[in-house]
Amino acid sequence: MPRVITATLTQCAKGKPLAVLENLPGDRAELRPTELRRLARLLNTIAIDAELATHKTTLRYELDGAKA
């Protein structure tokens, strides 16, 4: 599983929060339950950051939940 996910936080054409993600686990990724939970926590963090973003920004997130 990738160690860092990059998220560009922006807005869609209707002005709603949007996150464009790079380096997600690929097709047929094999993830253990603990890895799935870690990924879910990270995606939730990205969703919150996308809702709070006031301008377009790109952030790197470590899979331990911290921003890189």
Protein backbone atom coordinates (compact mmCIF):
# COMPACT_ATOMS: atom_id res chain seq x y z
CA MET A 1 0.00 0.00 0.00
CA PRO A 2 1.36 3.48 -0.81
CA ARG A 3 2.77 5.33 2.19
CA VAL A 4 1.68 8.82 1.04
CA ILE A 5 -1.52 9.99 -0.67
CA THR A 6 -1.53 13.38 -2.36
CA ALA A 7 -4.79 15.37 -2.34
CA THR A 8 -5.51 18.53 -4.28
CA LEU A 9 -8.31 20.28 -2.41
CA THR A 10 -10.44 22.50 -4.62
CA GLN A 11 -14.07 23.08 -5.59
CA CYS A 12 -16.23 21.52 -8.29
CA ALA A 13 -18.01 23.63 -10.92
CA LYS A 14 -20.92 24.12 -8.49
CA GLY A 15 -18.61 25.47 -5.77
CA LYS A 16 -18.77 22.36 -3.57
CA PRO A 17 -15.63 20.88 -1.95
CA LEU A 18 -13.69 18.46 -4.15
CA ALA A 19 -10.58 16.35 -3.47
CA VAL A 20 -8.50 14.99 -6.35
CA LEU A 21 -6.45 12.07 -5.01
CA GLU A 22 -3.23 10.53 -6.27
CA ASN A 23 -1.47 7.35 -5.20
CA LEU A 24 -4.47 5.44 -3.85
CA PRO A 25 -4.08 1.66 -3.61
CA GLY A 26 -4.63 0.26 -7.10
CA ASP A 27 -7.07 -2.20 -8.61
CA ARG A 28 -7.17 -5.51 -6.74
CA ALA A 29 -5.25 -4.08 -3.79
CA GLU A 30 -4.95 -6.60 -0.96
CA LEU A 31 -5.57 -4.83 2.33
CA ARG A 32 -5.83 -6.26 5.81
CA PRO A 33 -8.59 -4.97 8.10
CA THR A 34 -6.11 -2.77 9.99
CA GLU A 35 -4.91 -1.26 6.69
CA LEU A 36 -8.50 -0.65 5.60
CA ARG A 37 -9.23 1.16 8.86
CA ARG A 38 -6.08 3.26 8.51
CA LEU A 39 -7.06 4.18 4.93
CA ALA A 40 -10.62 5.00 6.04
CA ARG A 41 -9.32 7.34 8.78
CA LEU A 42 -7.03 9.03 6.27
CA LEU A 43 -9.85 9.50 3.73
CA ASN A 44 -12.05 10.98 6.47
CA THR A 45 -9.27 13.45 7.34
CA ILE A 46 -8.98 14.43 3.67
CA ALA A 47 -12.77 14.93 3.49
CA ILE A 48 -12.70 17.24 6.51
CA ASP A 49 -9.78 19.21 5.08
CA ALA A 50 -11.60 19.54 1.75
CA GLU A 51 -14.64 21.00 3.51
CA LEU A 52 -12.46 23.48 5.41
CA ALA A 53 -10.27 24.54 2.46
CA THR A 54 -10.82 28.14 1.37
CA HIS A 55 -8.58 27.99 -1.70
CA LYS A 56 -7.02 25.37 -3.98
CA THR A 57 -4.18 23.60 -2.22
CA THR A 58 -2.26 20.36 -2.55
CA LEU A 59 -1.41 18.36 0.57
CA ARG A 60 0.46 15.11 1.15
CA TYR A 61 -0.92 12.70 3.75
CA GLU A 62 1.08 9.95 5.42
CA LEU A 63 -0.85 6.74 5.95
CA ASP A 64 -0.33 7.03 9.70
CA GLY A 65 -2.81 9.95 9.50
CA ALA A 66 -0.33 12.83 9.68
CA LYS A 67 0.11 15.37 6.90
CA ALA A 68 3.46 14.90 5.18
